[in-house]
């Protein structure tokens, strides 16, 4: 079975404004974690936060990458779902690192910026995960429609 080409294309149509906003917000975050006056009482917390925010950006880039080169549509969707899960995981790690930041002159603006980015990113991820999940479900629904439901033979 194949995906509906229109639905497949729609699932990979990333809104350019949203992508630009996410890139700009992430860029502001990476500058903030490197240059702003934020502090933590935990040793190594700020370098860990820098690393985690960088990973979020790398995984966001991975999610947004063009997958048209993948010949099988199902593998294209599964790859996007895997990239989305990696992005969620890196965001969770960044959340844990950000919780250790508790002071500094720029703490409040950093916290507001981080939370706004996080909210926007999760909304973006959830929208596309829903599309990809629906596509995969449609494949399985089509496969089960072809089976004879009156057959009592054990499988």
C-alpha atoms as a PDB file:
ATOM      1  CA  UNK A   1       0.000   0.000   0.000  1.00  0.00           C
ATOM      2  CA  UNK A   2       1.094   3.582  -0.604  1.00  0.00           C
ATOM      3  CA  UNK A   3       0.462   6.838   1.132  1.00  0.00           C
ATOM      4  CA  UNK A   4      -1.830   9.467  -0.264  1.00  0.00           C
ATOM      5  CA  UNK A   5       0.739  11.654  -2.081  1.00  0.00           C
ATOM      6  CA  UNK A   6      -1.034  14.855  -1.076  1.00  0.00           C
ATOM      7  CA  UNK A   7      -1.074  13.886   2.609  1.00  0.00           C
ATOM      8  CA  UNK A   8       2.564  12.815   2.462  1.00  0.00           C
ATOM      9  CA  UNK A   9       3.602  16.126   0.909  1.00  0.00           C
ATOM     10  CA  UNK A  10       1.532  18.041   3.481  1.00  0.00           C
ATOM     11  CA  UNK A  11       3.210  16.203   6.368  1.00  0.00           C
ATOM     12  CA  UNK A  12       6.633  17.414   5.192  1.00  0.00           C
ATOM     13  CA  UNK A  13       5.513  20.942   4.369  1.00  0.00           C
ATOM     14  CA  UNK A  14       7.132  22.900   7.156  1.00  0.00           C
ATOM     15  CA  UNK A  15       5.730  26.395   7.491  1.00  0.00           C
ATOM     16  CA  UNK A  16       8.614  28.700   6.478  1.00  0.00           C
ATOM     17  CA  UNK A  17       7.645  31.379   9.007  1.00  0.00           C
ATOM     18  CA  UNK A  18       7.514  28.880  11.858  1.00  0.00           C
ATOM     19  CA  UNK A  19      10.859  27.405  10.821  1.00  0.00           C
ATOM     20  CA  UNK A  20      12.391  30.891  10.622  1.00  0.00           C
ATOM     21  CA  UNK A  21      10.951  31.771  14.038  1.00  0.00           C
ATOM     22  CA  UNK A  22      12.322  28.552  15.558  1.00  0.00           C
ATOM     23  CA  UNK A  23      15.750  29.156  14.043  1.00  0.00           C
ATOM     24  CA  UNK A  24      15.810  32.741  15.326  1.00  0.00           C
ATOM     25  CA  UNK A  25      14.648  31.714  18.805  1.00  0.00           C
ATOM     26  CA  UNK A  26      17.207  28.913  18.965  1.00  0.00           C
ATOM     27  CA  UNK A  27      19.948  31.309  17.806  1.00  0.00           C
ATOM     28  CA  UNK A  28      19.013  33.715  20.585  1.00  0.00           C
ATOM     29  CA  UNK A  29      19.145  30.857  23.081  1.00  0.00           C
ATOM     30  CA  UNK A  30      22.565  29.668  22.021  1.00  0.00           C
ATOM     31  CA  UNK A  31      23.901  33.228  22.258  1.00  0.00           C
ATOM     32  CA  UNK A  32      22.285  33.586  25.687  1.00  0.00           C
ATOM     33  CA  UNK A  33      23.784  30.400  27.117  1.00  0.00           C
ATOM     34  CA  UNK A  34      27.240  31.380  25.873  1.00  0.00           C
ATOM     35  CA  UNK A  35      27.315  35.145  26.508  1.00  0.00           C
ATOM     36  CA  UNK A  36      24.572  36.158  28.960  1.00  0.00           C
ATOM     37  CA  UNK A  37      25.047  36.457  32.705  1.00  0.00           C
ATOM     38  CA  UNK A  38      23.321  33.305  33.921  1.00  0.00           C
ATOM     39  CA  UNK A  39      24.571  31.302  36.866  1.00  0.00           C
ATOM     40  CA  UNK A  40      24.155  27.965  38.546  1.00  0.00           C
ATOM     41  CA  UNK A  41      25.254  26.645  41.902  1.00  0.00           C
ATOM     42  CA  UNK A  42      25.984  23.251  40.296  1.00  0.00           C
ATOM     43  CA  UNK A  43      29.470  22.717  38.956  1.00  0.00           C
ATOM     44  CA  UNK A  44      29.453  22.057  35.202  1.00  0.00           C
ATOM     45  CA  UNK A  45      25.802  23.036  34.752  1.00  0.00           C
ATOM     46  CA  UNK A  46      26.403  25.856  32.277  1.00  0.00           C
ATOM     47  CA  UNK A  47      28.704  23.909  29.936  1.00  0.00           C
ATOM     48  CA  UNK A  48      26.149  21.069  30.012  1.00  0.00           C
ATOM     49  CA  UNK A  49      23.365  23.522  29.182  1.00  0.00           C
ATOM     50  CA  UNK A  50      25.375  24.907  26.258  1.00  0.00           C
ATOM     51  CA  UNK A  51      25.917  21.399  24.948  1.00  0.00           C
ATOM     52  CA  UNK A  52      22.238  20.482  25.317  1.00  0.00           C
ATOM     53  CA  UNK A  53      20.982  23.636  23.589  1.00  0.00           C
ATOM     54  CA  UNK A  54      23.408  22.959  20.732  1.00  0.00           C
ATOM     55  CA  UNK A  55      22.053  19.396  20.468  1.00  0.00           C
ATOM     56  CA  UNK A  56      18.499  20.729  20.278  1.00  0.00           C
ATOM     57  CA  UNK A  57      19.533  22.857  17.307  1.00  0.00           C
ATOM     58  CA  UNK A  58      21.282  19.948  15.627  1.00  0.00           C
ATOM     59  CA  UNK A  59      18.263  17.703  16.092  1.00  0.00           C
ATOM     60  CA  UNK A  60      15.885  20.404  14.875  1.00  0.00           C
ATOM     61  CA  UNK A  61      18.030  20.701  11.757  1.00  0.00           C
ATOM     62  CA  UNK A  62      17.847  16.935  11.329  1.00  0.00           C
ATOM     63  CA  UNK A  63      14.059  16.965  11.619  1.00  0.00           C
ATOM     64  CA  UNK A  64      13.799  19.686   8.975  1.00  0.00           C
ATOM     65  CA  UNK A  65      16.143  17.993   6.507  1.00  0.00           C
ATOM     66  CA  UNK A  66      14.810  17.025   3.101  1.00  0.00           C
ATOM     67  CA  UNK A  67      13.889  13.349   2.991  1.00  0.00           C
ATOM     68  CA  UNK A  68      12.754  13.170  -0.638  1.00  0.00           C
ATOM     69  CA  UNK A  69      15.925  11.254  -1.475  1.00  0.00           C
ATOM     70  CA  UNK A  70      14.590   8.282   0.497  1.00  0.00           C
ATOM     71  CA  UNK A  71      12.831   6.143  -2.136  1.00  0.00           C
ATOM     72  CA  UNK A  72      10.321   4.383   0.133  1.00  0.00           C
ATOM     73  CA  UNK A  73       7.633   6.666   1.513  1.00  0.00           C
ATOM     74  CA  UNK A  74       7.163   4.575   4.648  1.00  0.00           C
ATOM     75  CA  UNK A  75      10.882   4.819   5.459  1.00  0.00           C
ATOM     76  CA  UNK A  76      10.748   8.561   4.855  1.00  0.00           C
ATOM     77  CA  UNK A  77       7.978   8.914   7.449  1.00  0.00           C
ATOM     78  CA  UNK A  78       9.670   6.558   9.905  1.00  0.00           C
ATOM     79  CA  UNK A  79      12.913   8.541   9.573  1.00  0.00           C
ATOM     80  CA  UNK A  80      11.081  11.762  10.301  1.00  0.00           C
ATOM     81  CA  UNK A  81       9.427  10.198  13.349  1.00  0.00           C
ATOM     82  CA  UNK A  82      12.840   9.014  14.601  1.00  0.00           C
ATOM     83  CA  UNK A  83      14.266  12.504  14.109  1.00  0.00           C
ATOM     84  CA  UNK A  84      11.322  13.921  16.015  1.00  0.00           C
ATOM     85  CA  UNK A  85      11.907  11.526  18.908  1.00  0.00           C
ATOM     86  CA  UNK A  86      15.586  12.499  18.975  1.00  0.00           C
ATOM     87  CA  UNK A  87      14.576  16.152  19.091  1.00  0.00           C
ATOM     88  CA  UNK A  88      12.169  15.495  21.962  1.00  0.00           C
ATOM     89  CA  UNK A  89      14.910  13.643  23.831  1.00  0.00           C
ATOM     90  CA  UNK A  90      17.429  16.447  23.355  1.00  0.00           C
ATOM     91  CA  UNK A  91      14.817  18.978  24.478  1.00  0.00           C
ATOM     92  CA  UNK A  92      14.201  16.924  27.624  1.00  0.00           C
ATOM     93  CA  UNK A  93      17.947  16.887  28.322  1.00  0.00           C
ATOM     94  CA  UNK A  94      18.077  20.659  27.772  1.00  0.00           C
ATOM     95  CA  UNK A  95      15.130  21.068  30.169  1.00  0.00           C
ATOM     96  CA  UNK A  96      17.022  19.174  32.853  1.00  0.00           C
ATOM     97  CA  UNK A  97      20.118  21.292  32.315  1.00  0.00           C
ATOM     98  CA  UNK A  98      18.117  24.538  32.277  1.00  0.00           C
ATOM     99  CA  UNK A  99      16.542  23.709  35.638  1.00  0.00           C
ATOM    100  CA  UNK A 100      19.991  23.993  37.204  1.00  0.00           C
ATOM    101  CA  UNK A 101      20.297  27.623  36.112  1.00  0.00           C
ATOM    102  CA  UNK A 102      19.013  29.751  38.942  1.00  0.00           C
ATOM    103  CA  UNK A 103      20.584  33.158  38.925  1.00  0.00           C
ATOM    104  CA  UNK A 104      22.506  35.874  37.223  1.00  0.00           C
ATOM    105  CA  UNK A 105      21.590  39.258  35.850  1.00  0.00           C
ATOM    106  CA  UNK A 106      20.118  37.757  32.667  1.00  0.00           C
ATOM    107  CA  UNK A 107      18.347  34.804  34.297  1.00  0.00           C
ATOM    108  CA  UNK A 108      14.761  36.073  33.912  1.00  0.00           C
ATOM    109  CA  UNK A 109      15.075  36.994  30.210  1.00  0.00           C
ATOM    110  CA  UNK A 110      16.814  33.666  29.579  1.00  0.00           C
ATOM    111  CA  UNK A 111      14.067  31.738  31.349  1.00  0.00           C
ATOM    112  CA  UNK A 112      11.315  33.529  29.417  1.00  0.00           C
ATOM    113  CA  UNK A 113      13.136  33.028  26.116  1.00  0.00           C
ATOM    114  CA  UNK A 114      13.745  29.344  26.843  1.00  0.00           C
ATOM    115  CA  UNK A 115      10.153  28.633  27.841  1.00  0.00           C
ATOM    116  CA  UNK A 116       8.754  30.453  24.794  1.00  0.00           C
ATOM    117  CA  UNK A 117      11.081  28.511  22.480  1.00  0.00           C
ATOM    118  CA  UNK A 118      10.168  25.238  24.172  1.00  0.00           C
ATOM    119  CA  UNK A 119       6.438  25.891  23.809  1.00  0.00           C
ATOM    120  CA  UNK A 120       6.752  26.822  20.136  1.00  0.00           C
ATOM    121  CA  UNK A 121       8.994  23.846  19.395  1.00  0.00           C
ATOM    122  CA  UNK A 122       6.668  21.337  21.061  1.00  0.00           C
ATOM    123  CA  UNK A 123       3.659  22.700  19.158  1.00  0.00           C
ATOM    124  CA  UNK A 124       5.615  22.343  15.910  1.00  0.00           C
ATOM    125  CA  UNK A 125       6.744  18.796  16.734  1.00  0.00           C
ATOM    126  CA  UNK A 126       3.287  17.650  17.797  1.00  0.00           C
ATOM    127  CA  UNK A 127       1.665  18.954  14.623  1.00  0.00           C
ATOM    128  CA  UNK A 128       4.005  17.029  12.355  1.00  0.00           C
ATOM    129  CA  UNK A 129       4.087  13.903  14.519  1.00  0.00           C
ATOM    130  CA  UNK A 130       0.301  13.812  14.270  1.00  0.00           C
ATOM    131  CA  UNK A 131       0.479  13.943  10.465  1.00  0.00           C
ATOM    132  CA  UNK A 132       3.128  11.223  10.316  1.00  0.00           C
ATOM    133  CA  UNK A 133       1.286   9.043  12.820  1.00  0.00           C
ATOM    134  CA  UNK A 134      -1.927   9.371  10.809  1.00  0.00           C
ATOM    135  CA  UNK A 135      -0.075   8.358   7.650  1.00  0.00           C
ATOM    136  CA  UNK A 136       1.385   5.260   9.298  1.00  0.00           C
ATOM    137  CA  UNK A 137      -1.986   4.359  10.804  1.00  0.00           C
ATOM    138  CA  UNK A 138      -3.592   4.619   7.380  1.00  0.00           C
ATOM    139  CA  UNK A 139      -1.155   2.008   6.071  1.00  0.00           C
ATOM    140  CA  UNK A 140      -1.996  -0.414   8.852  1.00  0.00           C
ATOM    141  CA  UNK A 141      -5.709   0.236   8.463  1.00  0.00           C
ATOM    142  CA  UNK A 142      -5.463  -0.568   4.745  1.00  0.00           C
ATOM    143  CA  UNK A 143      -3.542  -3.769   5.514  1.00  0.00           C
ATOM    144  CA  UNK A 144      -6.128  -4.977   8.018  1.00  0.00           C
ATOM    145  CA  UNK A 145      -9.024  -4.112   5.680  1.00  0.00           C
ATOM    146  CA  UNK A 146      -7.711  -6.699   3.245  1.00  0.00           C
ATOM    147  CA  UNK A 147      -7.893  -9.549   5.762  1.00  0.00           C
ATOM    148  CA  UNK A 148     -10.947 -11.809   6.057  1.00  0.00           C
ATOM    149  CA  UNK A 149     -12.315 -11.091   9.508  1.00  0.00           C
ATOM    150  CA  UNK A 150     -14.473 -14.248   9.580  1.00  0.00           C
ATOM    151  CA  UNK A 151     -11.477 -16.564   9.364  1.00  0.00           C
ATOM    152  CA  UNK A 152     -11.085 -18.279  12.752  1.00  0.00           C
ATOM    153  CA  UNK A 153      -7.759 -19.893  11.895  1.00  0.00           C
ATOM    154  CA  UNK A 154      -5.126 -19.110  14.571  1.00  0.00           C
ATOM    155  CA  UNK A 155      -2.226 -17.022  13.343  1.00  0.00           C
END
